[in-house]
Amino acid sequence: MAEVIPQLYCGVRNFKMMKKIGLLFFLMALGGCATTQFSGYIKADHPYVRKISGDYNKIIDAIKVVLFKENWEIQAQVNPSVYERSPDGEDQSKDILFITKPRRYFNILYFTYEHLNIFVHAIAEGAQVDIRFQAVSPMTTGTRNQALANRLLDKIKRELESK
């Protein structure tokens, strides 16, 4: 009987060690094996669109200021016709697409990468601004954030009014 107890104790100790090793391998696989690739362009699945009245050039400047203040770094500024055409065949020569660099946030076990596309379409009264948001992580892909888009557009309007 005395020989059985030390053997059981060794088994429990080895089981605890195996759990620790298994957890370590799980965390290494979850955190170190995935890389995220961004094309920059986000499809118009659920855009958040709002019209802003005012001078078109001042609207563009206000967007740049708000993105800078919110720590969104502009990766590219291109004509949106490179990625998508207007269905009406409208002139897109003044339109601008801002593509931001991905931002990385650490969650408890993984990283989340998020970025924005801001389409600015020139209209007679000012501009139509279309904000598209994408977040990519091991748990979610392609989420949208209307609260973020609404907050950014409110800040763009306030910035425009302050000039």
Protein backbone atom coordinates (compact mmCIF):
# COMPACT_ATOMS: atom_id res chain seq x y z
CA MET A 1 0.00 0.00 0.00
CA ALA A 2 2.84 2.39 0.79
CA GLU A 3 4.26 1.90 -2.73
CA VAL A 4 1.01 2.89 -4.45
CA ILE A 5 0.78 6.39 -2.93
CA PRO A 6 4.12 7.72 -4.32
CA GLN A 7 3.23 6.39 -7.78
CA LEU A 8 -0.13 8.19 -7.70
CA TYR A 9 1.58 11.39 -6.56
CA CYS A 10 4.06 11.20 -9.47
CA GLY A 11 1.17 10.72 -11.88
CA VAL A 12 -0.60 13.87 -10.64
CA ARG A 13 2.61 15.90 -10.87
CA ASN A 14 3.23 14.71 -14.46
CA PHE A 15 -0.36 15.52 -15.39
CA LYS A 16 0.06 19.12 -14.15
CA MET A 17 3.28 19.43 -16.15
CA MET A 18 1.55 18.10 -19.28
CA LYS A 19 -1.25 20.68 -18.87
CA LYS A 20 1.34 23.48 -18.67
CA ILE A 21 3.18 22.21 -21.75
CA GLY A 22 -0.11 21.85 -23.65
CA LEU A 23 -1.11 25.41 -22.76
CA LEU A 24 2.29 26.69 -23.85
CA PHE A 25 1.99 24.97 -27.25
CA PHE A 26 -1.56 26.29 -27.68
CA LEU A 27 -0.48 29.89 -27.01
CA MET A 28 2.51 29.58 -29.34
CA ALA A 29 0.29 28.24 -32.13
CA LEU A 30 -2.34 30.92 -31.61
CA GLY A 31 0.02 33.84 -31.38
CA GLY A 32 2.97 33.07 -33.61
CA CYS A 33 1.71 31.28 -36.69
CA ALA A 34 -0.67 33.80 -38.23
CA THR A 35 0.21 36.81 -40.32
CA THR A 36 -2.36 39.26 -41.59
CA GLN A 37 -2.30 40.60 -45.13
CA PHE A 38 -4.16 43.77 -46.06
CA SER A 39 -4.92 44.88 -49.58
CA GLY A 40 -5.88 48.28 -48.25
CA TYR A 41 -9.15 48.44 -50.17
CA ILE A 42 -12.37 47.49 -48.35
CA LYS A 43 -15.39 46.42 -50.42
CA ALA A 44 -18.64 48.36 -50.07
CA ASP A 45 -20.57 45.70 -48.15
CA HIS A 46 -21.81 48.00 -45.37
CA PRO A 47 -20.55 51.55 -45.99
CA TYR A 48 -21.46 54.40 -43.68
CA VAL A 49 -22.35 57.37 -45.93
CA ARG A 50 -23.10 60.96 -45.00
CA LYS A 51 -23.28 64.21 -46.95
CA ILE A 52 -21.26 67.14 -45.64
CA SER A 53 -21.98 70.66 -46.83
CA GLY A 54 -19.17 73.13 -47.44
CA ASP A 55 -16.11 73.78 -49.56
CA TYR A 56 -14.74 70.52 -50.99
CA ASN A 57 -11.07 71.36 -50.33
CA LYS A 58 -11.81 72.36 -46.73
CA ILE A 59 -13.65 69.05 -46.23
CA ILE A 60 -10.56 67.17 -47.48
CA ASP A 61 -8.34 69.16 -45.11
CA ALA A 62 -10.71 68.51 -42.18
CA ILE A 63 -10.65 64.76 -42.89
CA LYS A 64 -6.84 64.75 -42.87
CA VAL A 65 -6.72 66.68 -39.57
CA VAL A 66 -9.25 64.39 -37.86
CA LEU A 67 -7.45 61.24 -39.04
CA PHE A 68 -4.18 62.63 -37.68
CA LYS A 69 -5.76 63.55 -34.33
CA GLU A 70 -7.33 60.07 -34.05
CA ASN A 71 -3.95 58.38 -34.77
CA TRP A 72 -4.95 57.01 -38.16
CA GLU A 73 -1.96 57.23 -40.49
CA ILE A 74 -2.81 57.69 -44.18
CA GLN A 75 -1.10 54.99 -46.23
CA ALA A 76 -2.41 56.05 -49.65
CA GLN A 77 -4.49 58.78 -51.23
CA VAL A 78 -5.80 57.64 -54.61
CA ASN A 79 -8.67 58.09 -57.00
CA PRO A 80 -11.41 55.56 -56.09
CA SER A 81 -11.92 54.67 -59.76
CA VAL A 82 -8.82 52.49 -59.40
CA TYR A 83 -10.89 50.12 -57.22
CA GLU A 84 -14.51 50.72 -58.22
CA ARG A 85 -16.46 52.65 -60.82
CA SER A 86 -19.46 54.86 -60.20
CA PRO A 87 -22.59 53.03 -61.42
CA ASP A 88 -24.01 56.24 -62.89
CA GLY A 89 -20.91 56.92 -64.99
CA GLU A 90 -20.32 60.17 -63.07
CA ASP A 91 -17.06 62.05 -63.26
CA GLN A 92 -14.74 60.73 -60.53
CA SER A 93 -11.76 62.96 -61.28
CA LYS A 94 -12.15 65.01 -58.06
CA ASP A 95 -13.01 62.02 -55.85
CA ILE A 96 -10.44 60.84 -53.31
CA LEU A 97 -9.96 57.57 -51.45
CA PHE A 98 -7.94 57.63 -48.23
CA ILE A 99 -6.54 54.24 -47.19
CA THR A 100 -5.15 54.13 -43.65
CA LYS A 101 -2.35 51.95 -42.37
CA PRO A 102 -3.53 49.04 -40.21
CA ARG A 103 -3.49 49.62 -36.46
CA ARG A 104 -2.69 46.70 -34.18
CA TYR A 105 -4.32 46.12 -30.81
CA PHE A 106 -3.39 43.37 -28.39
CA ASN A 107 -6.25 41.42 -26.87
CA ILE A 108 -5.67 38.84 -24.16
CA LEU A 109 -4.54 36.03 -26.49
CA TYR A 110 -4.30 37.58 -29.96
CA PHE A 111 -3.83 40.76 -31.99
CA THR A 112 -6.58 42.62 -33.81
CA TYR A 113 -5.72 44.66 -36.90
CA GLU A 114 -8.06 47.39 -38.09
CA HIS A 115 -8.01 49.94 -40.87
CA LEU A 116 -10.24 52.46 -42.64
CA ASN A 117 -11.15 53.50 -46.16
CA ILE A 118 -12.64 56.96 -46.54
CA PHE A 119 -14.18 57.75 -49.91
CA VAL A 120 -14.82 61.43 -50.62
CA HIS A 121 -17.14 62.06 -53.56
CA ALA A 122 -17.49 65.65 -54.78
CA ILE A 123 -21.08 66.89 -55.06
CA ALA A 124 -22.52 70.34 -55.75
CA GLU A 125 -23.16 71.16 -52.05
CA GLY A 126 -19.85 69.80 -50.74
CA ALA A 127 -18.98 66.12 -50.44
CA GLN A 128 -20.45 62.73 -49.81
CA VAL A 129 -18.20 60.89 -47.36
CA ASP A 130 -18.24 57.09 -47.22
CA ILE A 131 -16.39 55.43 -44.32
CA ARG A 132 -15.57 51.72 -44.40
CA PHE A 133 -14.04 49.95 -41.42
CA GLN A 134 -12.44 46.52 -41.23
CA ALA A 135 -11.08 44.61 -38.24
CA VAL A 136 -9.26 41.31 -38.64
CA SER A 137 -8.31 38.93 -35.83
CA PRO A 138 -8.26 35.17 -35.31
CA MET A 139 -11.76 35.46 -33.83
CA THR A 140 -13.44 37.90 -36.28
CA THR A 141 -13.01 39.04 -39.85
CA GLY A 142 -14.49 41.99 -41.65
CA THR A 143 -16.47 43.58 -38.86
CA ARG A 144 -18.04 46.98 -39.27
CA ASN A 145 -18.19 49.76 -36.74
CA GLN A 146 -20.92 52.33 -37.30
CA ALA A 147 -20.21 54.02 -33.96
CA LEU A 148 -16.62 54.72 -35.04
CA ALA A 149 -17.75 56.02 -38.44
CA ASN A 150 -20.40 58.24 -36.86
CA ARG A 151 -17.90 59.63 -34.34
CA LEU A 152 -15.33 60.35 -37.07
CA LEU A 153 -17.89 62.13 -39.25
CA ASP A 154 -19.08 64.22 -36.29
CA LYS A 155 -15.46 65.25 -35.62
CA ILE A 156 -14.96 66.09 -39.30
CA LYS A 157 -18.04 68.37 -39.18
CA ARG A 158 -16.80 70.05 -35.98
CA GLU A 159 -13.34 70.54 -37.52
CA LEU A 160 -14.94 72.05 -40.62
CA GLU A 161 -17.08 74.40 -38.52
CA SER A 162 -14.07 75.57 -36.48
CA LYS A 163 -12.26 76.84 -39.62
